[in-house]
C-alpha atoms as a PDB file:
ATOM      1  CA  MET A   1      -9.284 -10.421  13.063  1.00  0.00           C
ATOM      2  CA  ALA A   2      -5.819 -10.619  11.539  1.00  0.00           C
ATOM      3  CA  VAL A   3      -2.815  -9.716  13.668  1.00  0.00           C
ATOM      4  CA  PRO A   4      -0.012  -7.922  11.791  1.00  0.00           C
ATOM      5  CA  PRO A   5       3.442  -9.468  12.148  1.00  0.00           C
ATOM      6  CA  SER A   6       5.949  -7.509  14.196  1.00  0.00           C
ATOM      7  CA  LEU A   7       9.684  -6.887  14.222  1.00  0.00           C
ATOM      8  CA  ALA A   8      11.985  -6.636  17.221  1.00  0.00           C
ATOM      9  CA  LEU A   9      13.834  -3.355  17.593  1.00  0.00           C
ATOM     10  CA  SER A  10      17.390  -3.556  18.903  1.00  0.00           C
ATOM     11  CA  ASP A  11      16.288  -2.798  22.464  1.00  0.00           C
ATOM     12  CA  GLY A  12      13.674  -5.562  22.453  1.00  0.00           C
ATOM     13  CA  VAL A  13      10.592  -3.430  21.790  1.00  0.00           C
ATOM     14  CA  ARG A  14       8.390  -4.997  19.114  1.00  0.00           C
ATOM     15  CA  ILE A  15       6.865  -2.851  16.372  1.00  0.00           C
ATOM     16  CA  PRO A  16       4.004  -3.927  14.088  1.00  0.00           C
ATOM     17  CA  GLN A  17       5.120  -4.236  10.487  1.00  0.00           C
ATOM     18  CA  LEU A  18       2.054  -2.331   9.333  1.00  0.00           C
ATOM     19  CA  LEU A  19       1.468   1.037  10.974  1.00  0.00           C
ATOM     20  CA  PHE A  20      -1.459   3.341  10.336  1.00  0.00           C
ATOM     21  CA  GLY A  21      -0.100   6.766   9.435  1.00  0.00           C
ATOM     22  CA  VAL A  22      -1.884  10.108   9.596  1.00  0.00           C
ATOM     23  CA  ALA A  23       0.435  12.251   7.469  1.00  0.00           C
ATOM     24  CA  GLY A  24      -1.570  14.499   5.190  1.00  0.00           C
ATOM     25  CA  LEU A  25      -4.803  14.169   7.172  1.00  0.00           C
ATOM     26  CA  THR A  26      -6.546  17.157   8.695  1.00  0.00           C
ATOM     27  CA  ALA A  27      -7.239  17.230  12.430  1.00  0.00           C
ATOM     28  CA  ALA A  28     -10.897  16.475  11.731  1.00  0.00           C
ATOM     29  CA  GLU A  29     -10.011  13.534   9.487  1.00  0.00           C
ATOM     30  CA  THR A  30      -7.427  12.107  11.872  1.00  0.00           C
ATOM     31  CA  GLY A  31      -9.692  11.120  14.753  1.00  0.00           C
ATOM     32  CA  ARG A  32     -12.237   9.481  12.466  1.00  0.00           C
ATOM     33  CA  ALA A  33      -9.538   7.685  10.469  1.00  0.00           C
ATOM     34  CA  VAL A  34      -7.859   6.293  13.588  1.00  0.00           C
ATOM     35  CA  ARG A  35     -11.170   5.014  14.959  1.00  0.00           C
ATOM     36  CA  ILE A  36     -11.864   3.259  11.659  1.00  0.00           C
ATOM     37  CA  ALA A  37      -8.363   1.755  11.679  1.00  0.00           C
ATOM     38  CA  LEU A  38      -8.879   0.462  15.216  1.00  0.00           C
ATOM     39  CA  ASP A  39     -12.148  -1.194  14.211  1.00  0.00           C
ATOM     40  CA  ILE A  40     -10.443  -2.862  11.257  1.00  0.00           C
ATOM     41  CA  GLY A  41      -7.640  -4.229  13.422  1.00  0.00           C
ATOM     42  CA  TYR A  42      -4.694  -1.838  13.250  1.00  0.00           C
ATOM     43  CA  ARG A  43      -2.773  -1.639  16.505  1.00  0.00           C
ATOM     44  CA  GLY A  44       0.208   0.459  15.424  1.00  0.00           C
ATOM     45  CA  PHE A  45      -0.058   4.225  14.838  1.00  0.00           C
ATOM     46  CA  ASP A  46       2.506   6.703  13.518  1.00  0.00           C
ATOM     47  CA  THR A  47       1.689  10.324  14.318  1.00  0.00           C
ATOM     48  CA  THR A  48       2.972  13.580  12.873  1.00  0.00           C
ATOM     49  CA  PRO A  49       3.357  16.890  14.736  1.00  0.00           C
ATOM     50  CA  GLY A  50      -0.049  18.446  15.269  1.00  0.00           C
ATOM     51  CA  THR A  51      -2.014  15.181  15.066  1.00  0.00           C
ATOM     52  CA  GLU A  52      -1.151  13.821  18.512  1.00  0.00           C
ATOM     53  CA  ALA A  53      -4.270  15.129  20.282  1.00  0.00           C
ATOM     54  CA  ALA A  54      -6.682  13.633  17.745  1.00  0.00           C
ATOM     55  CA  VAL A  55      -4.819  10.316  17.744  1.00  0.00           C
ATOM     56  CA  GLY A  56      -4.568  10.215  21.527  1.00  0.00           C
ATOM     57  CA  THR A  57      -8.279  10.822  22.018  1.00  0.00           C
ATOM     58  CA  ALA A  58      -9.192   8.088  19.536  1.00  0.00           C
ATOM     59  CA  LEU A  59      -6.824   5.601  21.165  1.00  0.00           C
ATOM     60  CA  LEU A  60      -8.549   6.016  24.529  1.00  0.00           C
ATOM     61  CA  GLU A  61     -11.086   3.535  23.156  1.00  0.00           C
ATOM     62  CA  VAL A  62      -8.650   0.604  23.552  1.00  0.00           C
ATOM     63  CA  PRO A  63      -6.361  -0.487  26.411  1.00  0.00           C
ATOM     64  CA  ARG A  64      -3.012   1.284  26.235  1.00  0.00           C
ATOM     65  CA  ASP A  65      -1.026  -1.961  26.200  1.00  0.00           C
ATOM     66  CA  GLU A  66      -2.814  -3.089  23.025  1.00  0.00           C
ATOM     67  CA  VAL A  67      -1.481  -0.315  20.791  1.00  0.00           C
ATOM     68  CA  PHE A  68       1.903   0.848  19.569  1.00  0.00           C
ATOM     69  CA  VAL A  69       2.244   4.627  19.259  1.00  0.00           C
ATOM     70  CA  SER A  70       5.080   6.659  17.776  1.00  0.00           C
ATOM     71  CA  PHE A  71       5.579  10.409  17.523  1.00  0.00           C
ATOM     72  CA  LYS A  72       8.122  12.728  15.937  1.00  0.00           C
ATOM     73  CA  VAL A  73      10.222  15.618  17.213  1.00  0.00           C
ATOM     74  CA  PRO A  74      11.978  17.870  14.654  1.00  0.00           C
ATOM     75  CA  ALA A  75      15.711  18.509  14.972  1.00  0.00           C
ATOM     76  CA  GLN A  76      15.765  21.723  17.021  1.00  0.00           C
ATOM     77  CA  GLY A  77      18.199  21.485  19.922  1.00  0.00           C
ATOM     78  CA  TYR A  78      18.039  20.047  23.430  1.00  0.00           C
ATOM     79  CA  ASP A  79      15.657  22.303  25.350  1.00  0.00           C
ATOM     80  CA  THR A  80      13.227  22.905  22.508  1.00  0.00           C
ATOM     81  CA  ALA A  81      13.132  19.195  21.743  1.00  0.00           C
ATOM     82  CA  ARG A  82      12.364  18.313  25.355  1.00  0.00           C
ATOM     83  CA  ARG A  83       9.473  20.769  25.400  1.00  0.00           C
ATOM     84  CA  ALA A  84       8.160  19.469  22.073  1.00  0.00           C
ATOM     85  CA  ALA A  85       8.314  15.890  23.318  1.00  0.00           C
ATOM     86  CA  ASP A  86       6.534  16.758  26.562  1.00  0.00           C
ATOM     87  CA  GLN A  87       3.802  18.516  24.592  1.00  0.00           C
ATOM     88  CA  ALA A  88       3.396  15.560  22.236  1.00  0.00           C
ATOM     89  CA  LEU A  89       3.100  13.092  25.111  1.00  0.00           C
ATOM     90  CA  ALA A  90       0.556  15.301  26.843  1.00  0.00           C
ATOM     91  CA  ALA A  91      -1.471  15.578  23.633  1.00  0.00           C
ATOM     92  CA  LEU A  92      -1.329  11.805  23.163  1.00  0.00           C
ATOM     93  CA  GLN A  93      -2.573  11.420  26.747  1.00  0.00           C
ATOM     94  CA  VAL A  94       0.041   8.781  27.554  1.00  0.00           C
ATOM     95  CA  GLU A  95       2.668   8.554  30.244  1.00  0.00           C
ATOM     96  CA  ARG A  96       4.997   6.711  27.886  1.00  0.00           C
ATOM     97  CA  ALA A  97       5.015   6.321  24.103  1.00  0.00           C
ATOM     98  CA  ASP A  98       6.488   3.328  22.332  1.00  0.00           C
ATOM     99  CA  LEU A  99       8.731   5.156  19.884  1.00  0.00           C
ATOM    100  CA  CYS A 100       9.985   8.704  19.392  1.00  0.00           C
ATOM    101  CA  LEU A 101      11.610   9.678  16.106  1.00  0.00           C
ATOM    102  CA  LEU A 102      14.087  12.503  15.623  1.00  0.00           C
ATOM    103  CA  ASP A 103      12.657  13.941  12.420  1.00  0.00           C
ATOM    104  CA  GLY A 104      15.064  15.536   9.958  1.00  0.00           C
ATOM    105  CA  THR A 105      18.717  16.507   9.810  1.00  0.00           C
ATOM    106  CA  LYS A 106      18.732  20.247   9.054  1.00  0.00           C
ATOM    107  CA  GLY A 107      18.719  21.441  12.664  1.00  0.00           C
ATOM    108  CA  ALA A 108      20.818  20.579  15.715  1.00  0.00           C
ATOM    109  CA  PHE A 109      20.084  16.905  15.426  1.00  0.00           C
ATOM    110  CA  THR A 110      22.787  15.609  17.757  1.00  0.00           C
ATOM    111  CA  ASP A 111      21.525  17.824  20.592  1.00  0.00           C
ATOM    112  CA  THR A 112      17.970  16.792  19.803  1.00  0.00           C
ATOM    113  CA  TRP A 113      19.030  13.155  19.939  1.00  0.00           C
ATOM    114  CA  ARG A 114      20.489  13.666  23.402  1.00  0.00           C
ATOM    115  CA  ALA A 115      17.180  15.170  24.539  1.00  0.00           C
ATOM    116  CA  LEU A 116      15.228  12.195  23.215  1.00  0.00           C
ATOM    117  CA  SER A 117      17.709   9.746  24.721  1.00  0.00           C
ATOM    118  CA  ARG A 118      17.122  11.448  28.070  1.00  0.00           C
ATOM    119  CA  LEU A 119      13.411  11.007  27.509  1.00  0.00           C
ATOM    120  CA  ARG A 120      13.987   7.274  27.107  1.00  0.00           C
ATOM    121  CA  ALA A 121      16.184   7.137  30.217  1.00  0.00           C
ATOM    122  CA  ASP A 122      13.377   8.833  32.150  1.00  0.00           C
ATOM    123  CA  GLY A 123      10.904   6.186  31.007  1.00  0.00           C
ATOM    124  CA  ARG A 124       8.824   8.544  28.840  1.00  0.00           C
ATOM    125  CA  VAL A 125       9.466   6.570  25.642  1.00  0.00           C
ATOM    126  CA  ARG A 126      10.400   2.940  25.136  1.00  0.00           C
ATOM    127  CA  ALA A 127      12.631   3.431  22.094  1.00  0.00           C
ATOM    128  CA  VAL A 128      14.222   6.234  20.060  1.00  0.00           C
ATOM    129  CA  GLY A 129      14.814   6.314  16.316  1.00  0.00           C
ATOM    130  CA  VAL A 130      15.155   8.786  13.462  1.00  0.00           C
ATOM    131  CA  ALA A 131      13.322   9.804  10.296  1.00  0.00           C
ATOM    132  CA  GLY A 132      14.750  11.068   7.034  1.00  0.00           C
ATOM    133  CA  PHE A 133      18.398  10.181   7.724  1.00  0.00           C
ATOM    134  CA  GLY A 134      20.869   9.078   5.066  1.00  0.00           C
ATOM    135  CA  VAL A 135      24.033   7.085   5.637  1.00  0.00           C
ATOM    136  CA  ALA A 136      26.187  10.206   6.126  1.00  0.00           C
ATOM    137  CA  GLU A 137      23.834  11.658   8.739  1.00  0.00           C
ATOM    138  CA  LEU A 138      23.572   8.332  10.545  1.00  0.00           C
ATOM    139  CA  ARG A 139      27.361   8.114  10.718  1.00  0.00           C
ATOM    140  CA  ARG A 140      27.538  11.652  12.136  1.00  0.00           C
ATOM    141  CA  LEU A 141      24.944  10.836  14.760  1.00  0.00           C
ATOM    142  CA  ILE A 142      26.566   7.569  15.780  1.00  0.00           C
ATOM    143  CA  ASP A 143      30.051   9.120  15.904  1.00  0.00           C
ATOM    144  CA  ALA A 144      28.844  12.121  17.945  1.00  0.00           C
ATOM    145  CA  THR A 145      26.685  10.254  20.458  1.00  0.00           C
ATOM    146  CA  GLY A 146      27.911   6.669  20.486  1.00  0.00           C
ATOM    147  CA  ALA A 147      24.310   5.546  20.083  1.00  0.00           C
ATOM    148  CA  VAL A 148      22.581   3.763  17.210  1.00  0.00           C
ATOM    149  CA  PRO A 149      18.917   4.563  16.465  1.00  0.00           C
ATOM    150  CA  VAL A 150      16.607   1.557  16.621  1.00  0.00           C
ATOM    151  CA  LEU A 151      14.836   2.571  13.405  1.00  0.00           C
ATOM    152  CA  ASN A 152      15.067   4.981  10.473  1.00  0.00           C
ATOM    153  CA  GLN A 153      11.859   5.999   8.691  1.00  0.00           C
ATOM    154  CA  VAL A 154      12.546   7.080   5.112  1.00  0.00           C
ATOM    155  CA  GLU A 155      10.887   7.299   1.739  1.00  0.00           C
ATOM    156  CA  LEU A 156      10.964   3.721   0.504  1.00  0.00           C
ATOM    157  CA  HIS A 157       8.956   1.933  -2.159  1.00  0.00           C
ATOM    158  CA  PRO A 158       9.581  -0.309  -5.195  1.00  0.00           C
ATOM    159  CA  TRP A 159      10.658   2.693  -7.289  1.00  0.00           C
ATOM    160  CA  LEU A 160      13.114   3.795  -4.566  1.00  0.00           C
ATOM    161  CA  GLN A 161      14.363   0.708  -2.731  1.00  0.00           C
ATOM    162  CA  GLN A 162      17.244   2.398  -0.866  1.00  0.00           C
ATOM    163  CA  LEU A 163      19.469  -0.691  -0.911  1.00  0.00           C
ATOM    164  CA  PRO A 164      22.731   0.900   0.355  1.00  0.00           C
ATOM    165  CA  LEU A 165      20.842   2.606   3.191  1.00  0.00           C
ATOM    166  CA  ARG A 166      19.000  -0.583   4.117  1.00  0.00           C
ATOM    167  CA  GLU A 167      22.275  -2.496   4.109  1.00  0.00           C
ATOM    168  CA  PHE A 168      23.722   0.087   6.511  1.00  0.00           C
ATOM    169  CA  HIS A 169      20.672  -0.367   8.748  1.00  0.00           C
ATOM    170  CA  THR A 170      21.127  -4.139   8.749  1.00  0.00           C
ATOM    171  CA  ARG A 171      24.827  -3.897   9.649  1.00  0.00           C
ATOM    172  CA  HIS A 172      23.961  -1.682  12.616  1.00  0.00           C
ATOM    173  CA  GLY A 173      20.908  -3.586  13.821  1.00  0.00           C
ATOM    174  CA  MET A 174      18.419  -0.931  12.740  1.00  0.00           C
ATOM    175  CA  VAL A 175      14.906  -1.507  11.422  1.00  0.00           C
ATOM    176  CA  THR A 176      13.853   0.263   8.223  1.00  0.00           C
ATOM    177  CA  ALA A 177      10.440   1.924   8.127  1.00  0.00           C
ATOM    178  CA  ALA A 178       8.871   3.008   4.853  1.00  0.00           C
ATOM    179  CA  ALA A 179       7.104   6.325   4.549  1.00  0.00           C
ATOM    180  CA  SER A 180       5.164   6.710   1.282  1.00  0.00           C
ATOM    181  CA  PRO A 181       5.194   2.915   0.801  1.00  0.00           C
ATOM    182  CA  ALA A 182       3.275   3.210  -2.485  1.00  0.00           C
ATOM    183  CA  ALA A 183       5.030   6.383  -3.714  1.00  0.00           C
ATOM    184  CA  ASN A 184       2.059   8.560  -2.771  1.00  0.00           C
ATOM    185  CA  ALA A 185      -0.206   6.153  -4.715  1.00  0.00           C
ATOM    186  CA  GLY A 186       1.897   6.549  -7.864  1.00  0.00           C
ATOM    187  CA  LEU A 187       2.753   2.842  -7.860  1.00  0.00           C
ATOM    188  CA  LEU A 188      -0.894   1.833  -7.905  1.00  0.00           C
ATOM    189  CA  ALA A 189      -0.976   2.481 -11.658  1.00  0.00           C
ATOM    190  CA  ASP A 190       2.381   0.843 -12.402  1.00  0.00           C
ATOM    191  CA  GLU A 191       1.942  -1.859 -15.057  1.00  0.00           C
ATOM    192  CA  THR A 192       4.036  -4.420 -13.223  1.00  0.00           C
ATOM    193  CA  VAL A 193       2.151  -3.866  -9.978  1.00  0.00           C
ATOM    194  CA  THR A 194      -1.276  -4.019 -11.636  1.00  0.00           C
ATOM    195  CA  ALA A 195      -0.292  -7.233 -13.432  1.00  0.00           C
ATOM    196  CA  LEU A 196       0.715  -8.811 -10.134  1.00  0.00           C
ATOM    197  CA  ALA A 197      -2.538  -7.622  -8.584  1.00  0.00           C
ATOM    198  CA  ALA A 198      -4.474  -9.434 -11.291  1.00  0.00           C
ATOM    199  CA  LYS A 199      -2.337 -12.560 -10.844  1.00  0.00           C
ATOM    200  CA  TYR A 200      -2.928 -12.756  -7.084  1.00  0.00           C
ATOM    201  CA  GLY A 201      -6.501 -11.456  -7.052  1.00  0.00           C
ATOM    202  CA  LYS A 202      -5.418  -8.535  -4.895  1.00  0.00           C
ATOM    203  CA  THR A 203      -5.324  -4.772  -5.314  1.00  0.00           C
ATOM    204  CA  PRO A 204      -2.177  -2.898  -6.374  1.00  0.00           C
ATOM    205  CA  ALA A 205      -1.923  -1.385  -2.869  1.00  0.00           C
ATOM    206  CA  GLN A 206      -1.984  -4.842  -1.329  1.00  0.00           C
ATOM    207  CA  ILE A 207       0.775  -6.034  -3.660  1.00  0.00           C
ATOM    208  CA  VAL A 208       3.003  -3.106  -2.719  1.00  0.00           C
ATOM    209  CA  LEU A 209       2.398  -3.456   1.027  1.00  0.00           C
ATOM    210  CA  ARG A 210       2.962  -7.206   0.862  1.00  0.00           C
ATOM    211  CA  TRP A 211       6.308  -6.513  -0.834  1.00  0.00           C
ATOM    212  CA  HIS A 212       7.266  -4.308   2.110  1.00  0.00           C
ATOM    213  CA  LEU A 213       6.397  -7.021   4.628  1.00  0.00           C
ATOM    214  CA  GLN A 214       8.441  -9.627   2.773  1.00  0.00           C
ATOM    215  CA  ALA A 215      11.323  -7.167   2.433  1.00  0.00           C
ATOM    216  CA  GLY A 216      11.441  -6.943   6.226  1.00  0.00           C
ATOM    217  CA  THR A 217      10.473  -3.285   6.476  1.00  0.00           C
ATOM    218  CA  VAL A 218       7.791  -1.514   8.494  1.00  0.00           C
ATOM    219  CA  ALA A 219       5.220   0.082   6.192  1.00  0.00           C
ATOM    220  CA  VAL A 220       3.447   3.267   7.285  1.00  0.00           C
ATOM    221  CA  ALA A 221       0.167   3.319   5.359  1.00  0.00           C
ATOM    222  CA  ALA A 222      -1.990   6.430   5.598  1.00  0.00           C
ATOM    223  CA  SER A 223      -5.552   6.795   4.354  1.00  0.00           C
ATOM    224  CA  ALA A 224      -8.612   8.908   5.046  1.00  0.00           C
ATOM    225  CA  THR A 225     -11.056   6.432   3.486  1.00  0.00           C
ATOM    226  CA  THR A 226     -12.542   3.332   5.072  1.00  0.00           C
ATOM    227  CA  THR A 227     -12.229   1.330   1.857  1.00  0.00           C
ATOM    228  CA  ARG A 228      -8.505   1.979   1.439  1.00  0.00           C
ATOM    229  CA  THR A 229      -7.796   1.503   5.149  1.00  0.00           C
ATOM    230  CA  ARG A 230      -9.509  -1.896   5.054  1.00  0.00           C
ATOM    231  CA  GLU A 231      -7.779  -2.760   1.789  1.00  0.00           C
ATOM    232  CA  ASN A 232      -4.351  -1.933   3.228  1.00  0.00           C
ATOM    233  CA  PHE A 233      -4.986  -4.307   6.116  1.00  0.00           C
ATOM    234  CA  GLY A 234      -5.828  -7.242   3.835  1.00  0.00           C
ATOM    235  CA  ILE A 235      -2.264  -8.346   3.189  1.00  0.00           C
ATOM    236  CA  PHE A 236      -1.769 -11.163   5.672  1.00  0.00           C
ATOM    237  CA  ASP A 237      -3.393 -14.036   3.779  1.00  0.00           C
ATOM    238  CA  PHE A 238      -0.977 -14.366   0.849  1.00  0.00           C
ATOM    239  CA  GLU A 239       2.692 -14.160  -0.090  1.00  0.00           C
ATOM    240  CA  LEU A 240       4.480 -13.019  -3.212  1.00  0.00           C
ATOM    241  CA  ALA A 241       6.485 -15.785  -4.871  1.00  0.00           C
ATOM    242  CA  ASP A 242      10.239 -15.377  -5.140  1.00  0.00           C
ATOM    243  CA  ASP A 243      10.127 -14.795  -8.891  1.00  0.00           C
ATOM    244  CA  ASP A 244       7.539 -12.052  -8.384  1.00  0.00           C
ATOM    245  CA  LEU A 245       9.683 -10.426  -5.712  1.00  0.00           C
ATOM    246  CA  ALA A 246      12.470 -10.402  -8.277  1.00  0.00           C
ATOM    247  CA  VAL A 247      10.166  -8.685 -10.769  1.00  0.00           C
ATOM    248  CA  VAL A 248       9.353  -5.960  -8.212  1.00  0.00           C
ATOM    249  CA  ALA A 249      13.074  -5.545  -7.485  1.00  0.00           C
ATOM    250  CA  GLU A 250      13.567  -4.532 -11.114  1.00  0.00           C
ATOM    251  CA  LEU A 251      11.261  -1.520 -10.633  1.00  0.00           C
ATOM    252  CA  ASP A 252      13.930   0.381  -8.671  1.00  0.00           C
ATOM    253  CA  ASN A 253      14.685   3.505 -10.715  1.00  0.00           C
ATOM    254  CA  GLY A 254      15.471   6.091  -8.036  1.00  0.00           C
ATOM    255  CA  THR A 255      12.173   7.957  -8.390  1.00  0.00           C
ATOM    256  CA  ARG A 256      11.313  10.135  -5.391  1.00  0.00           C
ATOM    257  CA  VAL A 257       7.879  11.570  -4.666  1.00  0.00           C
END
């Protein structure tokens, strides 16, 4: 069974470069999908609010120290965030999660950050990051709290490569995580991607996810089907050549999904 490569977060916690995501799955689909992912070999899981109970129950099938689990708390102020985090941890059935993400910037995100930082200080989470932050919001957070998130999960794919944001992450020691790594499957029909798939004898999804790995990002790949989940995991036995990486770089056109 292949073992996904991992990246070190700034506080030393290691995160698998390929996470199984459950965004868009129903509660009924989530438990089944996570069990399938475990059987295939995934050991990193990214939850969304409302899916924690189904994910937590499925993960009881493997030793806790063999899996990486992250959850999200919306920006909503200190007390509400603490309650939301406690509820998520209880639903996950874990004493401590590996990563908690402050999700979004429209609410009281600096107060929410302080709540999640307290959660880390109390040993309830190993690391704290953010999701959906741009450079301006990251600067506000860093200036207000003096802390730098370990990771920022954003929409990122070959059509939207987020170079200035990724450069900011690198300067501040942050890892970039890619939500919608294949642009909600839109890239799977892209002519350049399908041509590369034919060249390497791989699927378009595998080409896109391999690009993420070689770009040094964490890819969050969600699927409700066994075939696609298995396909997404088959990216560790090949590499894209430098000239092909350059071809993918030319796909950046700012398209959001």
